Protein backbone atom coordinates (compact mmCIF):
# COMPACT_ATOMS: atom_id res chain seq x y z
CA MET A 1 85.34 95.86 79.67
CA SER A 2 85.99 99.37 80.78
CA VAL A 3 88.36 100.64 83.41
CA LEU A 4 86.73 103.14 85.28
CA PRO A 5 88.90 106.33 85.83
CA VAL A 6 90.80 107.37 89.26
CA LEU A 7 90.43 110.96 89.87
CA ASN A 8 92.61 113.49 91.78
CA VAL A 9 95.14 110.71 92.14
CA THR A 10 98.20 112.92 94.07
CA VAL A 11 101.01 109.80 94.29
CA ALA A 12 104.13 110.84 94.81
CA SER A 13 107.33 109.68 93.75
CA PRO A 14 107.92 106.34 94.52
CA CYS A 15 111.96 107.33 95.61
CA CYS A 16 110.53 108.78 98.84
CA PRO A 17 112.94 107.44 101.41
CA PRO A 18 111.57 106.17 104.92
CA LEU A 19 111.22 109.05 107.21
CA SER A 20 113.84 107.70 109.65
CA VAL A 21 116.48 108.41 106.39
CA GLN A 22 115.09 111.79 105.10
CA ALA A 23 113.09 114.68 106.50
CA LEU A 24 109.92 114.76 104.00
CA PRO A 25 109.42 117.78 101.79
CA SER A 26 106.78 119.86 102.21
CA ASP A 27 105.63 119.34 98.98
CA ALA A 28 105.49 115.60 99.40
CA ALA A 29 103.42 115.97 102.68
CA GLY A 30 101.05 117.28 100.73
CA GLN A 31 100.95 114.82 97.69
CA LEU A 32 101.09 111.80 100.44
CA ALA A 33 98.56 113.24 103.08
CA PRO A 34 95.21 112.67 100.75
CA MET A 35 96.62 108.73 100.84
CA PHE A 36 97.14 108.63 104.54
CA LYS A 37 93.82 110.23 104.99
CA ALA A 38 91.89 107.85 102.58
CA LEU A 39 93.03 105.18 105.00
CA ALA A 40 92.14 106.82 108.08
CA ASP A 41 88.92 104.87 108.74
CA PRO A 42 87.91 101.92 109.75
CA ILE A 43 85.96 100.80 107.03
CA ARG A 44 88.20 101.81 104.40
CA LEU A 45 91.11 100.07 106.04
CA ARG A 46 89.23 96.87 106.20
CA LEU A 47 88.04 97.44 102.20
CA LEU A 48 91.37 97.65 101.43
CA SER A 49 92.60 94.75 103.74
CA LEU A 50 90.18 92.69 101.35
CA ILE A 51 91.04 94.18 97.94
CA ALA A 52 94.05 93.32 99.02
CA SER A 53 93.60 89.81 100.00
CA THR A 54 93.27 88.38 96.22
CA ALA A 55 94.04 89.59 92.70
CA GLU A 56 90.55 91.19 92.67
CA VAL A 57 87.24 91.61 93.69
CA CYS A 58 83.73 92.21 93.05
CA VAL A 59 81.73 94.82 94.63
CA CYS A 60 79.10 92.68 95.32
CA ASP A 61 81.40 90.90 97.96
CA LEU A 62 82.64 93.65 99.25
CA THR A 63 79.01 95.17 100.34
CA ASP A 64 78.31 91.95 101.59
CA ALA A 65 81.22 92.01 104.11
CA PHE A 66 79.79 95.02 106.12
CA ASP A 67 76.67 95.97 108.28
CA VAL A 68 76.40 99.50 106.18
CA THR A 69 74.69 100.45 103.20
CA GLY A 70 75.75 99.78 99.60
CA ALA A 71 75.98 103.34 99.07
CA THR A 72 78.13 103.95 102.19
CA ILE A 73 80.56 101.14 100.54
CA SER A 74 80.48 102.53 97.44
CA HIS A 75 81.34 106.35 99.14
CA HIS A 76 84.41 104.61 100.71
CA LEU A 77 85.53 102.82 97.58
CA ARG A 78 85.47 106.32 95.66
CA VAL A 79 87.72 107.76 98.62
CA LEU A 80 89.94 104.91 97.86
CA ARG A 81 90.49 104.94 94.24
CA GLU A 82 90.55 108.81 94.09
CA ALA A 83 93.67 108.87 96.24
CA GLY A 84 94.81 106.68 93.66
CA ILE A 85 94.96 103.18 95.94
CA VAL A 86 92.51 101.23 94.47
CA GLU A 87 91.56 101.05 90.72
CA SER A 88 88.66 99.57 89.43
CA GLU A 89 87.30 98.50 85.92
CA ARG A 90 83.70 97.61 84.70
CA ARG A 91 82.25 94.51 83.30
CA GLY A 92 78.94 94.25 82.50
CA THR A 93 76.86 94.95 85.48
CA TRP A 94 79.32 94.44 88.02
CA VAL A 95 82.67 96.52 89.12
CA TYR A 96 85.77 95.14 90.27
CA TYR A 97 88.56 96.65 92.64
CA ARG A 98 91.68 95.58 92.79
CA VAL A 99 94.85 97.70 94.88
CA ARG A 100 97.73 99.87 93.42
CA GLN A 101 100.63 98.31 94.75
CA PRO A 102 102.86 100.84 94.07
CA ALA A 103 101.09 103.14 96.38
CA LEU A 104 100.78 100.41 99.03
CA ASP A 105 104.79 100.36 98.42
CA LEU A 106 105.21 103.53 98.71
CA LEU A 107 103.10 104.26 102.12
CA GLY A 108 105.00 101.44 103.53
CA GLY A 109 108.16 102.09 102.59
CA LEU A 110 107.41 105.65 103.62
CA LEU A 111 107.47 104.56 107.51
CA ARG A 112 109.83 102.06 107.63
CA THR A 113 112.48 102.78 110.20
CA SER A 114 115.16 102.01 107.93
CA THR A 115 115.88 101.11 104.22
CA ALA A 116 116.30 97.44 104.98
CA PRO A 117 113.91 94.95 103.16
CA PRO A 118 111.13 93.36 105.47
CA PRO A 119 112.24 89.96 106.99
CA ALA A 120 111.64 86.93 104.18
CA SER A 121 110.33 84.81 106.69
CA ARG A 122 107.32 87.17 107.44
CA GLU A 123 103.86 84.79 107.19
CA VAL A 124 101.45 86.73 104.82
CA ARG A 125 98.16 86.47 106.02
CA ARG A 126 95.23 85.33 103.78
CA PHE A 127 91.85 86.51 103.86
CA ASP A 128 88.84 83.81 104.12
CA ALA A 129 85.43 84.75 103.14
CA ASP A 130 83.68 82.35 104.97
CA ASN A 131 85.51 83.78 108.38
CA PRO A 132 84.43 86.40 109.85
CA THR A 133 87.16 86.51 112.35
CA ASN A 134 89.74 86.47 109.84
CA ARG A 135 87.77 89.39 108.05
CA ASN A 136 87.40 91.97 111.29
CA GLY A 137 90.94 90.99 112.37
CA LEU A 138 93.25 91.41 108.80
CA ILE A 139 93.83 95.17 109.85
CA SER A 140 93.61 96.85 113.20
CA ALA A 141 90.28 99.04 113.37
CA SER A 142 92.42 101.58 115.44
CA PRO A 143 94.04 103.79 112.59
CA ASP A 144 95.20 106.56 114.77
CA VAL A 145 98.80 106.68 113.20
CA VAL A 146 97.70 107.10 109.57
CA ARG A 147 95.44 109.34 110.53
CA LEU A 148 97.50 111.91 112.03
CA LEU A 149 99.98 111.35 108.99
CA ALA A 150 96.81 112.63 106.78
CA ASP A 151 97.65 116.04 107.79
CA PRO A 152 100.42 117.85 105.85
CA LEU A 153 101.91 119.41 108.77
CA ARG A 154 101.64 116.66 111.15
CA ALA A 155 103.54 114.73 108.43
CA GLN A 156 106.13 117.20 108.01
CA ILE A 157 106.83 117.55 112.01
CA VAL A 158 107.19 113.90 112.11
CA ALA A 159 109.47 113.74 109.16
CA ILE A 160 111.30 116.38 110.81
CA LEU A 161 111.54 114.53 114.22
CA ALA A 162 112.98 111.42 112.32
CA GLY A 163 115.80 113.80 111.88
CA GLY A 164 116.36 114.04 115.81
CA PRO A 165 114.61 115.40 118.65
CA ALA A 166 113.62 119.20 118.43
CA CYS A 167 112.01 121.43 120.24
CA THR A 168 108.82 123.68 119.53
CA SER A 169 110.77 126.55 118.51
CA HIS A 170 112.92 124.72 115.83
CA LEU A 171 109.56 122.74 114.68
CA VAL A 172 108.22 126.32 114.15
CA ALA A 173 111.22 127.75 112.49
CA ASN A 174 111.29 124.80 109.72
CA THR A 175 107.86 124.51 109.21
CA GLY A 176 106.86 127.85 108.68
CA ALA A 177 103.31 127.14 110.68
CA LYS A 178 102.33 129.03 114.21
CA GLN A 179 103.55 128.11 117.34
CA PRO A 180 99.88 127.69 118.49
CA ASN A 181 99.52 125.30 115.53
CA VAL A 182 102.92 123.32 115.84
CA SER A 183 101.97 122.65 119.65
CA GLY A 184 98.78 121.59 118.89
CA HIS A 185 99.99 118.84 116.53
CA LEU A 186 102.72 117.65 118.62
CA LYS A 187 99.68 117.15 121.53
CA GLN A 188 97.59 115.20 118.97
CA LEU A 189 101.10 113.41 118.48
CA ARG A 190 101.83 112.54 121.85
CA LYS A 191 98.28 111.10 122.76
CA ALA A 192 98.27 109.14 120.27
CA GLY A 193 102.14 107.55 121.21
CA VAL A 194 103.75 108.59 118.14
CA VAL A 195 105.64 111.33 120.12
CA VAL A 196 107.36 111.32 123.39
CA ALA A 197 108.54 114.96 125.56
CA ALA A 198 111.06 115.39 127.70
CA PRO A 199 112.60 118.75 129.54
CA ARG A 200 116.15 119.92 128.46
CA GLY A 201 117.24 122.74 130.39
CA ARG A 202 114.80 125.51 129.65
CA PHE A 203 113.08 123.77 126.53
CA THR A 204 111.19 120.98 126.08
CA TYR A 205 112.29 118.54 123.15
CA TYR A 206 110.31 115.81 121.50
CA ARG A 207 111.50 112.75 120.18
CA LEU A 208 109.32 110.18 117.51
CA VAL A 209 108.62 106.64 119.37
CA PRO A 210 109.86 104.53 116.07
CA GLU A 211 107.86 101.48 117.04
CA MET A 212 104.64 103.28 116.41
CA LEU A 213 105.59 104.25 112.69
CA GLN A 214 107.10 100.72 112.20
CA GLY A 215 103.41 98.95 113.24
CA ALA A 216 101.92 101.17 110.52
CA ALA A 217 104.17 100.09 108.24
CA VAL A 218 104.15 96.39 109.03
CA HIS A 219 100.15 96.72 108.01
CA LEU A 220 100.97 98.33 104.92
CA ALA A 221 103.52 96.06 103.96
CA ASP A 222 101.32 93.16 105.20
CA VAL A 223 98.53 94.55 102.82
CA ALA A 224 100.99 95.23 99.60
CA ALA A 225 102.38 91.43 100.46
CA GLN A 226 98.76 90.18 100.10
CA ALA A 227 98.22 91.77 96.92
CA ARG A 228 101.69 90.05 95.60
CA ALA A 229 100.85 86.79 96.94
CA ASN A 230 97.58 86.99 95.30
CA ASP A 231 97.69 88.55 91.80
CA ASP A 232 96.67 85.50 90.18
CA ASN A 233 94.52 84.48 92.52
CA PHE A 234 90.67 85.24 90.47
CA ARG A 235 87.52 84.46 92.57
CA ASP A 236 84.39 83.29 90.67
CA CYS A 237 81.69 85.69 90.61
């Protein structure tokens, strides 16, 4: 057996509090952004859901679940592995993948709107390999929030706004970015519904929509819960 190396892993410290509790430092945003970027693709989100739904899964089963080439699946798996979200192990001619649960716990915890643990009664969804509907619906194919946070500056803006509404000049001063760049990122955040704007005197203030972040957090928390619940569920190959 040989464990395939995880390349370019930049997993931040697991002690990062939720964005609503503390602004994210710029260095932490830079470390976390590649992980969000890796998830900002519908195929990779579905791949992660399939891997997390069991203790580990053979690459042959993952390839059969998509209408794309094996080379495309291998590329997406490599992106997830290099981001430190999954890990793999070769056994003979096959490669098996499993999630790196600390990475999922970190991402899910970061997007939560409080430090309170998720409700214990929330049902853990399981993946049924024979049910295409379950496979397609396990994780939404619209990764807008995750994709937006894949940019370090946008992640920093979100972290600042978690501390309360702010105007553009405040965001420029606290990020060190140019005003057109900040305005462009705010426009994208508003378009995705993550941020709303409201006039206040001569200025426009921007505030976060916590429900949008919470929705992304629930998706990631569900994937982490599946991985935890299926840790011993080895499938025949």
